[in-house]
Amino acid sequence: MMMKENNMKKIMITVNGKPVGDGLWIDKVTYAPIQRTDRFTGDSKSHPAAVVG
């Protein structure tokens, strides 16, 4: 399944007003975290992150 960029939202997590990490991409519909692979491999596709628990 291929997601469009407009179906994702980046949220920034802060501690005492300072950003922690690069942010978290979530799906706007399901609020599931999205794993962005283009940062590491140059691939522009998005893949759902693994569910732990």
PDB file of N, CA and C in Angstrom:
ATOM      1  N   MET A   1       0.848  -1.170   0.000  1.00  0.00           N
ATOM      2  CA  MET A   1       0.000   0.000   0.000  1.00  0.00           C
ATOM      3  C   MET A   1       0.899   1.241   0.000  1.00  0.00           C
ATOM      4  N   MET A   2       0.549   2.182  -0.856  1.00  0.00           N
ATOM      5  CA  MET A   2       1.352   3.386  -0.965  1.00  0.00           C
ATOM      6  C   MET A   2       0.593   4.560  -0.365  1.00  0.00           C
ATOM      7  N   MET A   3       1.248   5.301   0.503  1.00  0.00           N
ATOM      8  CA  MET A   3       0.596   6.440   1.155  1.00  0.00           C
ATOM      9  C   MET A   3       1.028   7.724   0.475  1.00  0.00           C
ATOM     10  N   LYS A   4       0.133   8.665   0.375  1.00  0.00           N
ATOM     11  CA  LYS A   4       0.461   9.977  -0.164  1.00  0.00           C
ATOM     12  C   LYS A   4       0.995  10.851   0.964  1.00  0.00           C
ATOM     13  N   GLU A   5       1.812  11.822   0.590  1.00  0.00           N
ATOM     14  CA  GLU A   5       2.398  12.710   1.584  1.00  0.00           C
ATOM     15  C   GLU A   5       1.341  13.454   2.398  1.00  0.00           C
ATOM     16  N   ASN A   6       0.193  13.770   1.793  1.00  0.00           N
ATOM     17  CA  ASN A   6      -0.819  14.534   2.514  1.00  0.00           C
ATOM     18  C   ASN A   6      -1.583  13.692   3.529  1.00  0.00           C
ATOM     19  N   ASN A   7      -1.321  12.395   3.613  1.00  0.00           N
ATOM     20  CA  ASN A   7      -1.961  11.537   4.611  1.00  0.00           C
ATOM     21  C   ASN A   7      -1.089  11.364   5.847  1.00  0.00           C
ATOM     22  N   MET A   8       0.014  12.091   5.897  1.00  0.00           N
ATOM     23  CA  MET A   8       0.923  11.968   7.028  1.00  0.00           C
ATOM     24  C   MET A   8       1.086  13.317   7.715  1.00  0.00           C
ATOM     25  N   LYS A   9       1.437  13.254   8.987  1.00  0.00           N
ATOM     26  CA  LYS A   9       1.675  14.468   9.757  1.00  0.00           C
ATOM     27  C   LYS A   9       2.909  14.248  10.617  1.00  0.00           C
ATOM     28  N   LYS A  10       3.749  15.261  10.699  1.00  0.00           N
ATOM     29  CA  LYS A  10       4.950  15.174  11.526  1.00  0.00           C
ATOM     30  C   LYS A  10       4.685  15.885  12.838  1.00  0.00           C
ATOM     31  N   ILE A  11       4.931  15.181  13.935  1.00  0.00           N
ATOM     32  CA  ILE A  11       4.794  15.813  15.243  1.00  0.00           C
ATOM     33  C   ILE A  11       6.172  15.886  15.881  1.00  0.00           C
ATOM     34  N   MET A  12       6.413  16.981  16.560  1.00  0.00           N
ATOM     35  CA  MET A  12       7.688  17.172  17.236  1.00  0.00           C
ATOM     36  C   MET A  12       7.482  16.939  18.734  1.00  0.00           C
ATOM     37  N   ILE A  13       8.402  16.220  19.327  1.00  0.00           N
ATOM     38  CA  ILE A  13       8.369  15.944  20.760  1.00  0.00           C
ATOM     39  C   ILE A  13       9.413  16.841  21.411  1.00  0.00           C
ATOM     40  N   THR A  14       9.003  17.558  22.460  1.00  0.00           N
ATOM     41  CA  THR A  14       9.918  18.467  23.132  1.00  0.00           C
ATOM     42  C   THR A  14       9.989  18.164  24.624  1.00  0.00           C
ATOM     43  N   VAL A  15      11.126  18.483  25.208  1.00  0.00           N
ATOM     44  CA  VAL A  15      11.324  18.399  26.653  1.00  0.00           C
ATOM     45  C   VAL A  15      11.859  19.758  27.091  1.00  0.00           C
ATOM     46  N   ASN A  16      11.131  20.413  27.972  1.00  0.00           N
ATOM     47  CA  ASN A  16      11.488  21.759  28.423  1.00  0.00           C
ATOM     48  C   ASN A  16      11.654  22.726  27.252  1.00  0.00           C
ATOM     49  N   GLY A  17      10.829  22.556  26.231  1.00  0.00           N
ATOM     50  CA  GLY A  17      10.843  23.447  25.077  1.00  0.00           C
ATOM     51  C   GLY A  17      11.898  23.154  24.032  1.00  0.00           C
ATOM     52  N   LYS A  18      12.701  22.111  24.228  1.00  0.00           N
ATOM     53  CA  LYS A  18      13.751  21.762  23.269  1.00  0.00           C
ATOM     54  C   LYS A  18      13.357  20.475  22.537  1.00  0.00           C
ATOM     55  N   PRO A  19      13.493  20.453  21.202  1.00  0.00           N
ATOM     56  CA  PRO A  19      13.099  19.262  20.439  1.00  0.00           C
ATOM     57  C   PRO A  19      13.950  18.044  20.786  1.00  0.00           C
ATOM     58  N   VAL A  20      13.304  16.886  20.805  1.00  0.00           N
ATOM     59  CA  VAL A  20      13.972  15.616  21.049  1.00  0.00           C
ATOM     60  C   VAL A  20      13.848  14.798  19.765  1.00  0.00           C
ATOM     61  N   GLY A  21      14.949  14.494  19.127  1.00  0.00           N
ATOM     62  CA  GLY A  21      14.933  13.717  17.894  1.00  0.00           C
ATOM     63  C   GLY A  21      14.519  14.548  16.691  1.00  0.00           C
ATOM     64  N   ASP A  22      14.212  13.846  15.600  1.00  0.00           N
ATOM     65  CA  ASP A  22      13.853  14.481  14.335  1.00  0.00           C
ATOM     66  C   ASP A  22      12.349  14.620  14.159  1.00  0.00           C
ATOM     67  N   GLY A  23      11.566  14.190  15.116  1.00  0.00           N
ATOM     68  CA  GLY A  23      10.121  14.233  14.998  1.00  0.00           C
ATOM     69  C   GLY A  23       9.574  12.846  14.703  1.00  0.00           C
ATOM     70  N   LEU A  24       8.277  12.732  14.727  1.00  0.00           N
ATOM     71  CA  LEU A  24       7.602  11.461  14.522  1.00  0.00           C
ATOM     72  C   LEU A  24       6.546  11.635  13.447  1.00  0.00           C
ATOM     73  N   TRP A  25       6.596  10.819  12.403  1.00  0.00           N
ATOM     74  CA  TRP A  25       5.591  10.860  11.336  1.00  0.00           C
ATOM     75  C   TRP A  25       4.466   9.911  11.697  1.00  0.00           C
ATOM     76  N   ILE A  26       3.221  10.403  11.643  1.00  0.00           N
ATOM     77  CA  ILE A  26       2.060   9.567  11.929  1.00  0.00           C
ATOM     78  C   ILE A  26       1.064   9.665  10.783  1.00  0.00           C
ATOM     79  N   ASP A  27       0.271   8.623  10.620  1.00  0.00           N
ATOM     80  CA  ASP A  27      -0.804   8.607   9.641  1.00  0.00           C
ATOM     81  C   ASP A  27      -1.948   9.447  10.187  1.00  0.00           C
ATOM     82  N   LYS A  28      -2.496  10.367   9.372  1.00  0.00           N
ATOM     83  CA  LYS A  28      -3.561  11.252   9.840  1.00  0.00           C
ATOM     84  C   LYS A  28      -4.862  10.511  10.134  1.00  0.00           C
ATOM     85  N   VAL A  29      -5.071   9.362   9.509  1.00  0.00           N
ATOM     86  CA  VAL A  29      -6.318   8.626   9.684  1.00  0.00           C
ATOM     87  C   VAL A  29      -6.247   7.680  10.876  1.00  0.00           C
ATOM     88  N   THR A  30      -5.198   6.862  10.937  1.00  0.00           N
ATOM     89  CA  THR A  30      -5.105   5.837  11.983  1.00  0.00           C
ATOM     90  C   THR A  30      -4.222   6.232  13.153  1.00  0.00           C
ATOM     91  N   TYR A  31      -3.459   7.331  13.006  1.00  0.00           N
ATOM     92  CA  TYR A  31      -2.497   7.779  14.016  1.00  0.00           C
ATOM     93  C   TYR A  31      -1.394   6.755  14.270  1.00  0.00           C
ATOM     94  N   ALA A  32      -1.196   5.821  13.338  1.00  0.00           N
ATOM     95  CA  ALA A  32      -0.120   4.836  13.456  1.00  0.00           C
ATOM     96  C   ALA A  32       1.197   5.491  13.073  1.00  0.00           C
ATOM     97  N   PRO A  33       2.281   5.168  13.764  1.00  0.00           N
ATOM     98  CA  PRO A  33       3.586   5.739  13.393  1.00  0.00           C
ATOM     99  C   PRO A  33       4.010   5.233  12.017  1.00  0.00           C
ATOM    100  N   ILE A  34       4.680   6.087  11.265  1.00  0.00           N
ATOM    101  CA  ILE A  34       5.147   5.749   9.930  1.00  0.00           C
ATOM    102  C   ILE A  34       6.668   5.726   9.944  1.00  0.00           C
ATOM    103  N   GLN A  35       7.245   4.661   9.410  1.00  0.00           N
ATOM    104  CA  GLN A  35       8.694   4.544   9.331  1.00  0.00           C
ATOM    105  C   GLN A  35       9.120   5.075   7.970  1.00  0.00           C
ATOM    106  N   ARG A  36       9.909   6.133   7.955  1.00  0.00           N
ATOM    107  CA  ARG A  36      10.382   6.742   6.711  1.00  0.00           C
ATOM    108  C   ARG A  36      11.720   6.110   6.341  1.00  0.00           C
ATOM    109  N   THR A  37      11.783   5.424   5.199  1.00  0.00           N
ATOM    110  CA  THR A  37      13.009   4.739   4.808  1.00  0.00           C
ATOM    111  C   THR A  37      13.896   5.595   3.933  1.00  0.00           C
ATOM    112  N   ASP A  38      13.405   6.702   3.367  1.00  0.00           N
ATOM    113  CA  ASP A  38      14.226   7.511   2.467  1.00  0.00           C
ATOM    114  C   ASP A  38      15.403   8.144   3.196  1.00  0.00           C
ATOM    115  N   ARG A  39      15.312   8.306   4.493  1.00  0.00           N
ATOM    116  CA  ARG A  39      16.399   8.887   5.274  1.00  0.00           C
ATOM    117  C   ARG A  39      17.648   8.004   5.229  1.00  0.00           C
ATOM    118  N   PHE A  40      17.436   6.698   5.134  1.00  0.00           N
ATOM    119  CA  PHE A  40      18.551   5.769   5.193  1.00  0.00           C
ATOM    120  C   PHE A  40      18.926   5.193   3.832  1.00  0.00           C
ATOM    121  N   THR A  41      17.955   4.980   2.948  1.00  0.00           N
ATOM    122  CA  THR A  41      18.231   4.270   1.701  1.00  0.00           C
ATOM    123  C   THR A  41      17.993   5.098   0.456  1.00  0.00           C
ATOM    124  N   GLY A  42      17.444   6.286   0.573  1.00  0.00           N
ATOM    125  CA  GLY A  42      17.123   7.079  -0.599  1.00  0.00           C
ATOM    126  C   GLY A  42      15.781   6.709  -1.192  1.00  0.00           C
ATOM    127  N   ASP A  43      15.069   5.767  -0.602  1.00  0.00           N
ATOM    128  CA  ASP A  43      13.754   5.332  -1.065  1.00  0.00           C
ATOM    129  C   ASP A  43      12.711   6.311  -0.569  1.00  0.00           C
ATOM    130  N   SER A  44      11.795   6.738  -1.432  1.00  0.00           N
ATOM    131  CA  SER A  44      10.799   7.729  -1.029  1.00  0.00           C
ATOM    132  C   SER A  44       9.501   7.095  -0.551  1.00  0.00           C
ATOM    133  N   LYS A  45       9.442   5.767  -0.470  1.00  0.00           N
ATOM    134  CA  LYS A  45       8.220   5.092  -0.017  1.00  0.00           C
ATOM    135  C   LYS A  45       8.147   5.108   1.507  1.00  0.00           C
ATOM    136  N   SER A  46       6.925   5.079   2.026  1.00  0.00           N
ATOM    137  CA  SER A  46       6.703   5.014   3.465  1.00  0.00           C
ATOM    138  C   SER A  46       6.206   3.614   3.814  1.00  0.00           C
ATOM    139  N   HIS A  47       6.611   3.126   4.963  1.00  0.00           N
ATOM    140  CA  HIS A  47       6.203   1.818   5.431  1.00  0.00           C
ATOM    141  C   HIS A  47       5.699   1.947   6.858  1.00  0.00           C
ATOM    142  N   PRO A  48       4.630   1.218   7.196  1.00  0.00           N
ATOM    143  CA  PRO A  48       4.173   1.253   8.586  1.00  0.00           C
ATOM    144  C   PRO A  48       5.265   0.729   9.513  1.00  0.00           C
ATOM    145  N   ALA A  49       5.382   1.345  10.657  1.00  0.00           N
ATOM    146  CA  ALA A  49       6.369   0.917  11.650  1.00  0.00           C
ATOM    147  C   ALA A  49       5.897  -0.382  12.301  1.00  0.00           C
ATOM    148  N   ALA A  50       6.831  -1.152  12.787  1.00  0.00           N
ATOM    149  CA  ALA A  50       6.494  -2.412  13.467  1.00  0.00           C
ATOM    150  C   ALA A  50       5.801  -2.101  14.783  1.00  0.00           C
ATOM    151  N   VAL A  51       4.819  -2.911  15.125  1.00  0.00           N
ATOM    152  CA  VAL A  51       4.094  -2.749  16.376  1.00  0.00           C
ATOM    153  C   VAL A  51       4.787  -3.606  17.425  1.00  0.00           C
ATOM    154  N   VAL A  52       5.117  -2.975  18.542  1.00  0.00           N
ATOM    155  CA  VAL A  52       5.793  -3.684  19.626  1.00  0.00           C
ATOM    156  C   VAL A  52       4.820  -3.816  20.780  1.00  0.00           C
ATOM    157  N   GLY A  53       4.720  -5.003  21.318  1.00  0.00           N
ATOM    158  CA  GLY A  53       3.870  -5.139  22.477  1.00  0.00           C
ATOM    159  C   GLY A  53       3.073  -6.318  22.390  1.00  0.00           C
TER     160      GLY A  53
END
